[in-house]
Amino acid sequence: MKADQKANEAGLEVPNGAAAAAILSAGLGCFCVSLFGLLGDAFPAVAHFFNFYNPTGPLSGVTTTAIIVWLTSWALLIQLWKGKSLPLGKINMIAFSLLGIGLLLSFPPFGDFLQGK
């Protein structure tokens, strides 16, 4: 029998805060890639802001900024949730919802619809 199964049978909760932080921050990062891409496509000022490297255009800043959001949120959440036992089902649901919304925002017909094109 595994150690976590023994702990659960004994009524002890196994800390899952680090895993929850990784899962939620990954969902947030995926959402940000699509959101920043959509905003960069919709507004020239935002596209100019995200243009970190001219040969790739705004995509360079969109991906770089989304990675910064992902890593920063992961670092903050892991500090907040370290050693805690959290409702992983709820956190998974939020993370997968963010992933789904991000996927929807990256679909060109939906993005065009939101922009009124």
PDB file of N, CA and C in Angstrom:
ATOM      1  N   MET A   1       0.841  -1.174   0.000  1.00  0.00           N
ATOM      2  CA  MET A   1       0.000   0.000   0.000  1.00  0.00           C
ATOM      3  C   MET A   1       0.895   1.249   0.000  1.00  0.00           C
ATOM      4  N   LYS A   2       0.487   2.236  -0.729  1.00  0.00           N
ATOM      5  CA  LYS A   2       1.276   3.467  -0.815  1.00  0.00           C
ATOM      6  C   LYS A   2       1.092   4.308   0.441  1.00  0.00           C
ATOM      7  N   ALA A   3       2.057   5.210   0.651  1.00  0.00           N
ATOM      8  CA  ALA A   3       2.042   6.046   1.856  1.00  0.00           C
ATOM      9  C   ALA A   3       0.827   6.963   1.888  1.00  0.00           C
ATOM     10  N   ASP A   4       0.444   7.520   0.731  1.00  0.00           N
ATOM     11  CA  ASP A   4      -0.707   8.430   0.737  1.00  0.00           C
ATOM     12  C   ASP A   4      -2.013   7.683   0.972  1.00  0.00           C
ATOM     13  N   GLN A   5      -2.094   6.431   0.519  1.00  0.00           N
ATOM     14  CA  GLN A   5      -3.290   5.649   0.790  1.00  0.00           C
ATOM     15  C   GLN A   5      -3.392   5.338   2.286  1.00  0.00           C
ATOM     16  N   LYS A   6      -2.261   5.029   2.912  1.00  0.00           N
ATOM     17  CA  LYS A   6      -2.257   4.771   4.354  1.00  0.00           C
ATOM     18  C   LYS A   6      -2.646   6.025   5.123  1.00  0.00           C
ATOM     19  N   ALA A   7      -2.159   7.173   4.665  1.00  0.00           N
ATOM     20  CA  ALA A   7      -2.495   8.429   5.335  1.00  0.00           C
ATOM     21  C   ALA A   7      -3.976   8.727   5.206  1.00  0.00           C
ATOM     22  N   ASN A   8      -4.546   8.472   4.026  1.00  0.00           N
ATOM     23  CA  ASN A   8      -5.980   8.711   3.838  1.00  0.00           C
ATOM     24  C   ASN A   8      -6.823   7.775   4.692  1.00  0.00           C
ATOM     25  N   GLU A   9      -6.394   6.514   4.809  1.00  0.00           N
ATOM     26  CA  GLU A   9      -7.130   5.563   5.631  1.00  0.00           C
ATOM     27  C   GLU A   9      -7.043   5.928   7.110  1.00  0.00           C
ATOM     28  N   ALA A  10      -5.942   6.549   7.499  1.00  0.00           N
ATOM     29  CA  ALA A  10      -5.765   6.947   8.890  1.00  0.00           C
ATOM     30  C   ALA A  10      -6.475   8.275   9.188  1.00  0.00           C
ATOM     31  N   GLY A  11      -7.088   8.875   8.166  1.00  0.00           N
ATOM     32  CA  GLY A  11      -7.803  10.129   8.369  1.00  0.00           C
ATOM     33  C   GLY A  11      -6.924  11.361   8.235  1.00  0.00           C
ATOM     34  N   LEU A  12      -5.698  11.173   7.762  1.00  0.00           N
ATOM     35  CA  LEU A  12      -4.788  12.303   7.567  1.00  0.00           C
ATOM     36  C   LEU A  12      -4.902  12.799   6.130  1.00  0.00           C
ATOM     37  N   GLU A  13      -4.804  14.087   5.971  1.00  0.00           N
ATOM     38  CA  GLU A  13      -4.848  14.650   4.634  1.00  0.00           C
ATOM     39  C   GLU A  13      -3.436  14.791   4.086  1.00  0.00           C
ATOM     40  N   VAL A  14      -3.273  14.453   2.835  1.00  0.00           N
ATOM     41  CA  VAL A  14      -1.976  14.552   2.181  1.00  0.00           C
ATOM     42  C   VAL A  14      -1.906  15.931   1.518  1.00  0.00           C
ATOM     43  N   PRO A  15      -0.861  16.707   1.786  1.00  0.00           N
ATOM     44  CA  PRO A  15      -0.748  18.023   1.163  1.00  0.00           C
ATOM     45  C   PRO A  15      -0.651  17.913  -0.360  1.00  0.00           C
ATOM     46  N   ASN A  16      -1.460  18.718  -1.048  1.00  0.00           N
ATOM     47  CA  ASN A  16      -1.443  18.723  -2.506  1.00  0.00           C
ATOM     48  C   ASN A  16      -1.317  20.145  -3.055  1.00  0.00           C
ATOM     49  N   GLY A  17      -0.920  21.080  -2.211  1.00  0.00           N
ATOM     50  CA  GLY A  17      -0.840  22.476  -2.618  1.00  0.00           C
ATOM     51  C   GLY A  17       0.119  22.728  -3.759  1.00  0.00           C
ATOM     52  N   ALA A  18       1.259  22.052  -3.757  1.00  0.00           N
ATOM     53  CA  ALA A  18       2.233  22.245  -4.827  1.00  0.00           C
ATOM     54  C   ALA A  18       1.669  21.766  -6.160  1.00  0.00           C
ATOM     55  N   ALA A  19       1.003  20.627  -6.150  1.00  0.00           N
ATOM     56  CA  ALA A  19       0.390  20.114  -7.381  1.00  0.00           C
ATOM     57  C   ALA A  19      -0.741  21.021  -7.843  1.00  0.00           C
ATOM     58  N   ALA A  20      -1.551  21.487  -6.916  1.00  0.00           N
ATOM     59  CA  ALA A  20      -2.647  22.390  -7.261  1.00  0.00           C
ATOM     60  C   ALA A  20      -2.120  23.686  -7.865  1.00  0.00           C
ATOM     61  N   ALA A  21      -1.019  24.199  -7.330  1.00  0.00           N
ATOM     62  CA  ALA A  21      -0.411  25.421  -7.859  1.00  0.00           C
ATOM     63  C   ALA A  21       0.061  25.213  -9.291  1.00  0.00           C
ATOM     64  N   ALA A  22       0.683  24.079  -9.553  1.00  0.00           N
ATOM     65  CA  ALA A  22       1.169  23.783 -10.903  1.00  0.00           C
ATOM     66  C   ALA A  22       0.011  23.663 -11.892  1.00  0.00           C
ATOM     67  N   ILE A  23      -1.051  22.983 -11.485  1.00  0.00           N
ATOM     68  CA  ILE A  23      -2.196  22.763 -12.370  1.00  0.00           C
ATOM     69  C   ILE A  23      -2.902  24.079 -12.685  1.00  0.00           C
ATOM     70  N   LEU A  24      -3.194  24.862 -11.653  1.00  0.00           N
ATOM     71  CA  LEU A  24      -3.923  26.118 -11.876  1.00  0.00           C
ATOM     72  C   LEU A  24      -3.095  27.124 -12.665  1.00  0.00           C
ATOM     73  N   SER A  25      -1.809  27.217 -12.378  1.00  0.00           N
ATOM     74  CA  SER A  25      -0.971  28.169 -13.110  1.00  0.00           C
ATOM     75  C   SER A  25      -0.818  27.763 -14.569  1.00  0.00           C
ATOM     76  N   ALA A  26      -0.801  26.476 -14.863  1.00  0.00           N
ATOM     77  CA  ALA A  26      -0.742  26.021 -16.251  1.00  0.00           C
ATOM     78  C   ALA A  26      -2.008  26.427 -17.009  1.00  0.00           C
ATOM     79  N   GLY A  27      -3.157  26.265 -16.384  1.00  0.00           N
ATOM     80  CA  GLY A  27      -4.404  26.704 -17.010  1.00  0.00           C
ATOM     81  C   GLY A  27      -4.434  28.200 -17.242  1.00  0.00           C
ATOM     82  N   LEU A  28      -3.939  28.954 -16.275  1.00  0.00           N
ATOM     83  CA  LEU A  28      -3.884  30.408 -16.409  1.00  0.00           C
ATOM     84  C   LEU A  28      -2.938  30.819 -17.532  1.00  0.00           C
ATOM     85  N   GLY A  29      -1.791  30.164 -17.638  1.00  0.00           N
ATOM     86  CA  GLY A  29      -0.846  30.470 -18.708  1.00  0.00           C
ATOM     87  C   GLY A  29      -1.430  30.198 -20.085  1.00  0.00           C
ATOM     88  N   CYS A  30      -2.134  29.085 -20.230  1.00  0.00           N
ATOM     89  CA  CYS A  30      -2.777  28.762 -21.509  1.00  0.00           C
ATOM     90  C   CYS A  30      -3.832  29.803 -21.876  1.00  0.00           C
ATOM     91  N   PHE A  31      -4.606  30.202 -20.897  1.00  0.00           N
ATOM     92  CA  PHE A  31      -5.621  31.228 -21.136  1.00  0.00           C
ATOM     93  C   PHE A  31      -4.977  32.541 -21.570  1.00  0.00           C
ATOM     94  N   CYS A  32      -3.872  32.911 -20.927  1.00  0.00           N
ATOM     95  CA  CYS A  32      -3.209  34.187 -21.227  1.00  0.00           C
ATOM     96  C   CYS A  32      -2.630  34.221 -22.633  1.00  0.00           C
ATOM     97  N   VAL A  33      -2.108  33.107 -23.125  1.00  0.00           N
ATOM     98  CA  VAL A  33      -1.593  33.078 -24.495  1.00  0.00           C
ATOM     99  C   VAL A  33      -2.695  33.485 -25.466  1.00  0.00           C
ATOM    100  N   SER A  34      -3.866  32.885 -25.314  1.00  0.00           N
ATOM    101  CA  SER A  34      -4.971  33.186 -26.227  1.00  0.00           C
ATOM    102  C   SER A  34      -5.530  34.583 -26.019  1.00  0.00           C
ATOM    103  N   LEU A  35      -5.667  34.992 -24.761  1.00  0.00           N
ATOM    104  CA  LEU A  35      -6.201  36.321 -24.479  1.00  0.00           C
ATOM    105  C   LEU A  35      -5.279  37.406 -25.029  1.00  0.00           C
ATOM    106  N   PHE A  36      -3.983  37.282 -24.770  1.00  0.00           N
ATOM    107  CA  PHE A  36      -3.029  38.284 -25.255  1.00  0.00           C
ATOM    108  C   PHE A  36      -2.974  38.293 -26.782  1.00  0.00           C
ATOM    109  N   GLY A  37      -3.063  37.121 -27.398  1.00  0.00           N
ATOM    110  CA  GLY A  37      -3.089  37.044 -28.860  1.00  0.00           C
ATOM    111  C   GLY A  37      -4.311  37.725 -29.438  1.00  0.00           C
ATOM    112  N   LEU A  38      -5.460  37.486 -28.821  1.00  0.00           N
ATOM    113  CA  LEU A  38      -6.702  38.120 -29.281  1.00  0.00           C
ATOM    114  C   LEU A  38      -6.638  39.630 -29.106  1.00  0.00           C
ATOM    115  N   LEU A  39      -6.155  40.081 -27.960  1.00  0.00           N
ATOM    116  CA  LEU A  39      -6.047  41.527 -27.729  1.00  0.00           C
ATOM    117  C   LEU A  39      -5.050  42.175 -28.685  1.00  0.00           C
ATOM    118  N   GLY A  40      -3.948  41.480 -28.963  1.00  0.00           N
ATOM    119  CA  GLY A  40      -2.966  41.993 -29.904  1.00  0.00           C
ATOM    120  C   GLY A  40      -3.515  42.075 -31.314  1.00  0.00           C
ATOM    121  N   ASP A  41      -4.390  41.146 -31.660  1.00  0.00           N
ATOM    122  CA  ASP A  41      -5.019  41.156 -32.979  1.00  0.00           C
ATOM    123  C   ASP A  41      -6.087  42.238 -33.080  1.00  0.00           C
ATOM    124  N   ALA A  42      -6.757  42.517 -31.974  1.00  0.00           N
ATOM    125  CA  ALA A  42      -7.880  43.462 -31.987  1.00  0.00           C
ATOM    126  C   ALA A  42      -7.446  44.922 -31.893  1.00  0.00           C
ATOM    127  N   PHE A  43      -6.360  45.187 -31.173  1.00  0.00           N
ATOM    128  CA  PHE A  43      -5.965  46.571 -30.915  1.00  0.00           C
ATOM    129  C   PHE A  43      -4.526  46.818 -31.357  1.00  0.00           C
ATOM    130  N   PRO A  44      -4.309  47.733 -32.295  1.00  0.00           N
ATOM    131  CA  PRO A  44      -2.949  48.017 -32.762  1.00  0.00           C
ATOM    132  C   PRO A  44      -1.998  48.466 -31.648  1.00  0.00           C
ATOM    133  N   ALA A  45      -2.488  49.201 -30.665  1.00  0.00           N
ATOM    134  CA  ALA A  45      -1.625  49.646 -29.565  1.00  0.00           C
ATOM    135  C   ALA A  45      -1.136  48.454 -28.746  1.00  0.00           C
ATOM    136  N   VAL A  46      -1.997  47.476 -28.539  1.00  0.00           N
ATOM    137  CA  VAL A  46      -1.611  46.272 -27.799  1.00  0.00           C
ATOM    138  C   VAL A  46      -0.628  45.452 -28.627  1.00  0.00           C
ATOM    139  N   ALA A  47      -0.870  45.358 -29.942  1.00  0.00           N
ATOM    140  CA  ALA A  47       0.060  44.651 -30.820  1.00  0.00           C
ATOM    141  C   ALA A  47       1.436  45.306 -30.781  1.00  0.00           C
ATOM    142  N   HIS A  48       1.471  46.624 -30.775  1.00  0.00           N
ATOM    143  CA  HIS A  48       2.739  47.342 -30.690  1.00  0.00           C
ATOM    144  C   HIS A  48       3.426  47.056 -29.347  1.00  0.00           C
ATOM    145  N   PHE A  49       2.659  47.019 -28.274  1.00  0.00           N
ATOM    146  CA  PHE A  49       3.208  46.705 -26.940  1.00  0.00           C
ATOM    147  C   PHE A  49       3.839  45.314 -26.915  1.00  0.00           C
ATOM    148  N   PHE A  50       3.198  44.340 -27.562  1.00  0.00           N
ATOM    149  CA  PHE A  50       3.675  42.964 -27.549  1.00  0.00           C
ATOM    150  C   PHE A  50       4.761  42.690 -28.586  1.00  0.00           C
ATOM    151  N   ASN A  51       5.108  43.649 -29.404  1.00  0.00           N
ATOM    152  CA  ASN A  51       6.128  43.445 -30.438  1.00  0.00           C
ATOM    153  C   ASN A  51       7.522  43.579 -29.818  1.00  0.00           C
ATOM    154  N   PHE A  52       8.022  42.482 -29.262  1.00  0.00           N
ATOM    155  CA  PHE A  52       9.336  42.472 -28.617  1.00  0.00           C
ATOM    156  C   PHE A  52      10.456  42.260 -29.624  1.00  0.00           C
ATOM    157  N   TYR A  53      10.129  41.597 -30.748  1.00  0.00           N
ATOM    158  CA  TYR A  53      11.141  41.227 -31.739  1.00  0.00           C
ATOM    159  C   TYR A  53      10.486  41.340 -33.113  1.00  0.00           C
ATOM    160  N   ASN A  54      10.946  42.293 -33.916  1.00  0.00           N
ATOM    161  CA  ASN A  54      10.283  42.624 -35.187  1.00  0.00           C
ATOM    162  C   ASN A  54      10.055  41.452 -36.141  1.00  0.00           C
ATOM    163  N   PRO A  55      11.011  40.546 -36.342  1.00  0.00           N
ATOM    164  CA  PRO A  55      10.742  39.460 -37.297  1.00  0.00           C
ATOM    165  C   PRO A  55       9.537  38.581 -36.937  1.00  0.00           C
ATOM    166  N   THR A  56       9.224  38.446 -35.659  1.00  0.00           N
ATOM    167  CA  THR A  56       8.060  37.633 -35.288  1.00  0.00           C
ATOM    168  C   THR A  56       6.834  38.472 -34.967  1.00  0.00           C
ATOM    169  N   GLY A  57       6.999  39.755 -34.785  1.00  0.00           N
ATOM    170  CA  GLY A  57       5.869  40.641 -34.502  1.00  0.00           C
ATOM    171  C   GLY A  57       5.332  40.451 -33.095  1.00  0.00           C
ATOM    172  N   PRO A  58       4.049  40.717 -32.910  1.00  0.00           N
ATOM    173  CA  PRO A  58       3.450  40.657 -31.566  1.00  0.00           C
ATOM    174  C   PRO A  58       3.495  39.277 -30.914  1.00  0.00           C
ATOM    175  N   LEU A  59       3.631  38.232 -31.704  1.00  0.00           N
ATOM    176  CA  LEU A  59       3.671  36.888 -31.130  1.00  0.00           C
ATOM    177  C   LEU A  59       4.825  36.726 -30.145  1.00  0.00           C
ATOM    178  N   SER A  60       5.919  37.430 -30.388  1.00  0.00           N
ATOM    179  CA  SER A  60       7.063  37.333 -29.480  1.00  0.00           C
ATOM    180  C   SER A  60       6.701  37.811 -28.079  1.00  0.00           C
ATOM    181  N   GLY A  61       5.982  38.908 -27.986  1.00  0.00           N
ATOM    182  CA  GLY A  61       5.584  39.430 -26.688  1.00  0.00           C
ATOM    183  C   GLY A  61       4.427  38.683 -26.071  1.00  0.00           C
ATOM    184  N   VAL A  62       3.524  38.203 -26.920  1.00  0.00           N
ATOM    185  CA  VAL A  62       2.373  37.439 -26.419  1.00  0.00           C
ATOM    186  C   VAL A  62       2.860  36.197 -25.682  1.00  0.00           C
ATOM    187  N   THR A  63       3.734  35.434 -26.309  1.00  0.00           N
ATOM    188  CA  THR A  63       4.199  34.197 -25.681  1.00  0.00           C
ATOM    189  C   THR A  63       5.110  34.476 -24.492  1.00  0.00           C
ATOM    190  N   THR A  64       5.977  35.475 -24.628  1.00  0.00           N
ATOM    191  CA  THR A  64       6.881  35.806 -23.516  1.00  0.00           C
ATOM    192  C   THR A  64       6.091  36.266 -22.293  1.00  0.00           C
ATOM    193  N   THR A  65       5.117  37.120 -22.504  1.00  0.00           N
ATOM    194  CA  THR A  65       4.312  37.640 -21.396  1.00  0.00           C
ATOM    195  C   THR A  65       3.470  36.530 -20.765  1.00  0.00           C
ATOM    196  N   ALA A  66       2.920  35.654 -21.590  1.00  0.00           N
ATOM    197  CA  ALA A  66       2.136  34.533 -21.049  1.00  0.00           C
ATOM    198  C   ALA A  66       3.018  33.602 -20.214  1.00  0.00           C
ATOM    199  N   ILE A  67       4.246  33.383 -20.642  1.00  0.00           N
ATOM    200  CA  ILE A  67       5.169  32.547 -19.863  1.00  0.00           C
ATOM    201  C   ILE A  67       5.493  33.223 -18.534  1.00  0.00           C
ATOM    202  N   ILE A  68       5.666  34.539 -18.558  1.00  0.00           N
ATOM    203  CA  ILE A  68       5.927  35.273 -17.308  1.00  0.00           C
ATOM    204  C   ILE A  68       4.734  35.160 -16.359  1.00  0.00           C
ATOM    205  N   VAL A  69       3.515  35.280 -16.903  1.00  0.00           N
ATOM    206  CA  VAL A  69       2.312  35.128 -16.073  1.00  0.00           C
ATOM    207  C   VAL A  69       2.257  33.720 -15.486  1.00  0.00           C
ATOM    208  N   TRP A  70       2.530  32.722 -16.308  1.00  0.00           N
ATOM    209  CA  TRP A  70       2.497  31.332 -15.851  1.00  0.00           C
ATOM    210  C   TRP A  70       3.503  31.095 -14.716  1.00  0.00           C
ATOM    211  N   LEU A  71       4.746  31.496 -14.939  1.00  0.00           N
ATOM    212  CA  LEU A  71       5.773  31.249 -13.927  1.00  0.00           C
ATOM    213  C   LEU A  71       5.543  32.062 -12.648  1.00  0.00           C
ATOM    214  N   THR A  72       5.100  33.307 -12.814  1.00  0.00           N
ATOM    215  CA  THR A  72       4.833  34.148 -11.644  1.00  0.00           C
ATOM    216  C   THR A  72       3.669  33.600 -10.828  1.00  0.00           C
ATOM    217  N   SER A  73       2.594  33.217 -11.511  1.00  0.00           N
ATOM    218  CA  SER A  73       1.441  32.667 -10.782  1.00  0.00           C
ATOM    219  C   SER A  73       1.812  31.356 -10.106  1.00  0.00           C
ATOM    220  N   TRP A  74       2.628  30.551 -10.755  1.00  0.00           N
ATOM    221  CA  TRP A  74       3.066  29.292 -10.153  1.00  0.00           C
ATOM    222  C   TRP A  74       3.880  29.565  -8.892  1.00  0.00           C
ATOM    223  N   ALA A  75       4.811  30.504  -8.972  1.00  0.00           N
ATOM    224  CA  ALA A  75       5.643  30.829  -7.805  1.00  0.00           C
ATOM    225  C   ALA A  75       4.806  31.378  -6.656  1.00  0.00           C
ATOM    226  N   LEU A  76       3.859  32.255  -6.969  1.00  0.00           N
ATOM    227  CA  LEU A  76       3.014  32.827  -5.909  1.00  0.00           C
ATOM    228  C   LEU A  76       2.099  31.780  -5.285  1.00  0.00           C
ATOM    229  N   LEU A  77       1.461  30.978  -6.131  1.00  0.00           N
ATOM    230  CA  LEU A  77       0.537  29.966  -5.608  1.00  0.00           C
ATOM    231  C   LEU A  77       1.258  28.899  -4.801  1.00  0.00           C
ATOM    232  N   ILE A  78       2.446  28.523  -5.236  1.00  0.00           N
ATOM    233  CA  ILE A  78       3.168  27.487  -4.490  1.00  0.00           C
ATOM    234  C   ILE A  78       3.566  28.003  -3.104  1.00  0.00           C
ATOM    235  N   GLN A  79       3.858  29.296  -2.998  1.00  0.00           N
ATOM    236  CA  GLN A  79       4.171  29.869  -1.686  1.00  0.00           C
ATOM    237  C   GLN A  79       2.916  29.940  -0.808  1.00  0.00           C
ATOM    238  N   LEU A  80       1.789  30.278  -1.416  1.00  0.00           N
ATOM    239  CA  LEU A  80       0.537  30.375  -0.656  1.00  0.00           C
ATOM    240  C   LEU A  80       0.013  29.008  -0.228  1.00  0.00           C
ATOM    241  N   TRP A  81       0.177  28.011  -1.082  1.00  0.00           N
ATOM    242  CA  TRP A  81      -0.455  26.717  -0.857  1.00  0.00           C
ATOM    243  C   TRP A  81       0.501  25.625  -0.387  1.00  0.00           C
ATOM    244  N   LYS A  82       1.754  25.939  -0.161  1.00  0.00           N
ATOM    245  CA  LYS A  82       2.731  24.928   0.247  1.00  0.00           C
ATOM    246  C   LYS A  82       2.284  24.244   1.542  1.00  0.00           C
ATOM    247  N   GLY A  83       2.260  22.937   1.521  1.00  0.00           N
ATOM    248  CA  GLY A  83       1.921  22.163   2.708  1.00  0.00           C
ATOM    249  C   GLY A  83       0.437  22.089   3.020  1.00  0.00           C
ATOM    250  N   LYS A  84      -0.400  22.640   2.161  1.00  0.00           N
ATOM    251  CA  LYS A  84      -1.853  22.628   2.406  1.00  0.00           C
ATOM    252  C   LYS A  84      -2.519  21.545   1.573  1.00  0.00           C
ATOM    253  N   SER A  85      -3.675  21.120   2.047  1.00  0.00           N
ATOM    254  CA  SER A  85      -4.497  20.180   1.307  1.00  0.00           C
ATOM    255  C   SER A  85      -5.695  20.947   0.762  1.00  0.00           C
ATOM    256  N   LEU A  86      -5.794  20.994  -0.549  1.00  0.00           N
ATOM    257  CA  LEU A  86      -6.827  21.788  -1.209  1.00  0.00           C
ATOM    258  C   LEU A  86      -7.789  20.899  -1.977  1.00  0.00           C
ATOM    259  N   PRO A  87      -8.981  21.426  -2.294  1.00  0.00           N
ATOM    260  CA  PRO A  87      -9.942  20.643  -3.096  1.00  0.00           C
ATOM    261  C   PRO A  87      -9.461  20.560  -4.547  1.00  0.00           C
ATOM    262  N   LEU A  88      -8.721  19.518  -4.861  1.00  0.00           N
ATOM    263  CA  LEU A  88      -8.090  19.385  -6.169  1.00  0.00           C
ATOM    264  C   LEU A  88      -9.111  19.276  -7.304  1.00  0.00           C
ATOM    265  N   GLY A  89     -10.264  18.705  -7.032  1.00  0.00           N
ATOM    266  CA  GLY A  89     -11.307  18.618  -8.058  1.00  0.00           C
ATOM    267  C   GLY A  89     -11.757  19.990  -8.526  1.00  0.00           C
ATOM    268  N   LYS A  90     -11.965  20.895  -7.587  1.00  0.00           N
ATOM    269  CA  LYS A  90     -12.387  22.254  -7.916  1.00  0.00           C
ATOM    270  C   LYS A  90     -11.279  22.997  -8.677  1.00  0.00           C
ATOM    271  N   ILE A  91     -10.054  22.829  -8.239  1.00  0.00           N
ATOM    272  CA  ILE A  91      -8.924  23.495  -8.898  1.00  0.00           C
ATOM    273  C   ILE A  91      -8.734  22.939 -10.304  1.00  0.00           C
ATOM    274  N   ASN A  92      -8.873  21.624 -10.469  1.00  0.00           N
ATOM    275  CA  ASN A  92      -8.798  21.034 -11.810  1.00  0.00           C
ATOM    276  C   ASN A  92      -9.893  21.585 -12.711  1.00  0.00           C
ATOM    277  N   MET A  93     -11.079  21.740 -12.168  1.00  0.00           N
ATOM    278  CA  MET A  93     -12.200  22.263 -12.953  1.00  0.00           C
ATOM    279  C   MET A  93     -11.912  23.694 -13.420  1.00  0.00           C
ATOM    280  N   ILE A  94     -11.388  24.513 -12.539  1.00  0.00           N
ATOM    281  CA  ILE A  94     -11.040  25.894 -12.900  1.00  0.00           C
ATOM    282  C   ILE A  94      -9.937  25.900 -13.956  1.00  0.00           C
ATOM    283  N   ALA A  95      -8.910  25.075 -13.761  1.00  0.00           N
ATOM    284  CA  ALA A  95      -7.788  25.025 -14.707  1.00  0.00           C
ATOM    285  C   ALA A  95      -8.248  24.551 -16.081  1.00  0.00           C
ATOM    286  N   PHE A  96      -9.066  23.524 -16.121  1.00  0.00           N
ATOM    287  CA  PHE A  96      -9.550  23.033 -17.414  1.00  0.00           C
ATOM    288  C   PHE A  96     -10.535  24.002 -18.056  1.00  0.00           C
ATOM    289  N   SER A  97     -11.269  24.753 -17.251  1.00  0.00           N
ATOM    290  CA  SER A  97     -12.132  25.801 -17.804  1.00  0.00           C
ATOM    291  C   SER A  97     -11.290  26.897 -18.450  1.00  0.00           C
ATOM    292  N   LEU A  98     -10.219  27.306 -17.780  1.00  0.00           N
ATOM    293  CA  LEU A  98      -9.313  28.293 -18.365  1.00  0.00           C
ATOM    294  C   LEU A  98      -8.688  27.774 -19.655  1.00  0.00           C
ATOM    295  N   LEU A  99      -8.309  26.514 -19.658  1.00  0.00           N
ATOM    296  CA  LEU A  99      -7.757  25.894 -20.856  1.00  0.00           C
ATOM    297  C   LEU A  99      -8.788  25.882 -21.980  1.00  0.00           C
ATOM    298  N   GLY A 100     -10.029  25.521 -21.664  1.00  0.00           N
ATOM    299  CA  GLY A 100     -11.092  25.491 -22.669  1.00  0.00           C
ATOM    300  C   GLY A 100     -11.409  26.868 -23.226  1.00  0.00           C
ATOM    301  N   ILE A 101     -11.483  27.857 -22.356  1.00  0.00           N
ATOM    302  CA  ILE A 101     -11.734  29.221 -22.811  1.00  0.00           C
ATOM    303  C   ILE A 101     -10.571  29.704 -23.677  1.00  0.00           C
ATOM    304  N   GLY A 102      -9.354  29.374 -23.266  1.00  0.00           N
ATOM    305  CA  GLY A 102      -8.186  29.735 -24.064  1.00  0.00           C
ATOM    306  C   GLY A 102      -8.227  29.090 -25.437  1.00  0.00           C
ATOM    307  N   LEU A 103      -8.625  27.835 -25.494  1.00  0.00           N
ATOM    308  CA  LEU A 103      -8.751  27.150 -26.780  1.00  0.00           C
ATOM    309  C   LEU A 103      -9.812  27.820 -27.643  1.00  0.00           C
ATOM    310  N   LEU A 104     -10.920  28.172 -27.047  1.00  0.00           N
ATOM    311  CA  LEU A 104     -11.988  28.850 -27.784  1.00  0.00           C
ATOM    312  C   LEU A 104     -11.524  30.212 -28.312  1.00  0.00           C
ATOM    313  N   LEU A 105     -10.801  30.968 -27.492  1.00  0.00           N
ATOM    314  CA  LEU A 105     -10.309  32.278 -27.920  1.00  0.00           C
ATOM    315  C   LEU A 105      -9.275  32.173 -29.032  1.00  0.00           C
ATOM    316  N   SER A 106      -8.593  31.049 -29.128  1.00  0.00           N
ATOM    317  CA  SER A 106      -7.582  30.882 -30.175  1.00  0.00           C
ATOM    318  C   SER A 106      -8.190  30.410 -31.495  1.00  0.00           C
ATOM    319  N   PHE A 107      -9.472  30.098 -31.506  1.00  0.00           N
ATOM    320  CA  PHE A 107     -10.165  29.649 -32.712  1.00  0.00           C
ATOM    321  C   PHE A 107     -10.516  30.886 -33.543  1.00  0.00           C
ATOM    322  N   PRO A 108      -9.924  31.052 -34.743  1.00  0.00           N
ATOM    323  CA  PRO A 108     -10.087  32.299 -35.509  1.00  0.00           C
ATOM    324  C   PRO A 108     -11.530  32.758 -35.753  1.00  0.00           C
ATOM    325  N   PRO A 109     -12.471  31.881 -36.109  1.00  0.00           N
ATOM    326  CA  PRO A 109     -13.833  32.398 -36.297  1.00  0.00           C
ATOM    327  C   PRO A 109     -14.431  32.999 -35.018  1.00  0.00           C
ATOM    328  N   PHE A 110     -14.113  32.412 -33.870  1.00  0.00           N
ATOM    329  CA  PHE A 110     -14.635  32.962 -32.616  1.00  0.00           C
ATOM    330  C   PHE A 110     -13.961  34.279 -32.294  1.00  0.00           C
ATOM    331  N   GLY A 111     -12.652  34.359 -32.489  1.00  0.00           N
ATOM    332  CA  GLY A 111     -11.925  35.611 -32.262  1.00  0.00           C
ATOM    333  C   GLY A 111     -12.430  36.711 -33.186  1.00  0.00           C
ATOM    334  N   ASP A 112     -12.673  36.375 -34.445  1.00  0.00           N
ATOM    335  CA  ASP A 112     -13.220  37.364 -35.384  1.00  0.00           C
ATOM    336  C   ASP A 112     -14.616  37.821 -34.959  1.00  0.00           C
ATOM    337  N   PHE A 113     -15.414  36.878 -34.464  1.00  0.00           N
ATOM    338  CA  PHE A 113     -16.754  37.228 -33.989  1.00  0.00           C
ATOM    339  C   PHE A 113     -16.678  38.200 -32.830  1.00  0.00           C
ATOM    340  N   LEU A 114     -15.783  37.966 -31.883  1.00  0.00           N
ATOM    341  CA  LEU A 114     -15.635  38.858 -30.739  1.00  0.00           C
ATOM    342  C   LEU A 114     -15.159  40.243 -31.166  1.00  0.00           C
ATOM    343  N   GLN A 115     -14.369  40.296 -32.241  1.00  0.00           N
ATOM    344  CA  GLN A 115     -13.854  41.567 -32.731  1.00  0.00           C
ATOM    345  C   GLN A 115     -14.821  42.256 -33.684  1.00  0.00           C
ATOM    346  N   GLY A 116     -15.894  41.601 -34.063  1.00  0.00           N
ATOM    347  CA  GLY A 116     -16.874  42.203 -34.958  1.00  0.00           C
ATOM    348  C   GLY A 116     -16.425  42.198 -36.410  1.00  0.00           C
ATOM    349  N   LYS A 117     -15.550  41.277 -36.760  1.00  0.00           N
ATOM    350  CA  LYS A 117     -15.078  41.201 -38.162  1.00  0.00           C
ATOM    351  C   LYS A 117     -15.990  40.370 -39.012  1.00  0.00           C
TER     352      LYS A 117
END
